[in-house]
Amino acid sequence: MSCPLFFLLISTLVLLLRIATCQEDLVSTTCSQTPFSDTCSSSLRSDPRSQNSDVKGLATIALEKSIDKATETKAHIDYLIKLHNPNQTEYEFKCLEECMAEYSEALDNLQESYLAWNTSSFDTVNSEVAAAMSDADSCESGYEDEEMLQNPSPLTERNKMFSELCSNFLAITTLI
């Protein structure tokens, strides 16, 4: 291999490594400014598009991750309702039904938010995501009447993760 060709190959590799490092730094820098930086980093890095995204692109991925978590949680609630565990009380079953309604509403809010995001209607984005977070909080608060419960909420971790993803998205939007 001739020297100029070797030098060109090495230069190209170094440049590609620097670009990848800069993107890694953008995810780290962005996530360090969110309330749940570990959740932010893991969720963004799980999407290969984050490697080539700017901050607005990272925000889009964060919003999509919130939508995905709401969709997964709603499907899990549907599964739990159909399972109709004989160990759960009627009150707990009603809590699941209420959570199904709350997550249906949360998904509607997030879909509206996604449309608003694509048209740069940031006030609408913020209010719709905040409403979706409130829906998840309402789901969880249904399980707070300990006298009526025999079992803990089966959705606490999912609700928590959903709220973290939404909070991170809102934090990232302030960086744009």
Foldseek 3Di string as FASTA:
>chain_A
DDPVVVVVVVVVVVVVVVLQVVLLVQQQVLLVQFPDSVLSSVQQVVDPVSSVDHLLVSLLSLLVVLLVLLVVLLVVLVVCLVVVDPPWDPLLNVLSVLLNVLSVQLNVLSVQLSVCSVVVVVVSNVVSLVSNLVSLVVSQVSQVPVVNTPDHDPCVVSNVSSNRSSRSSVSSVVVD
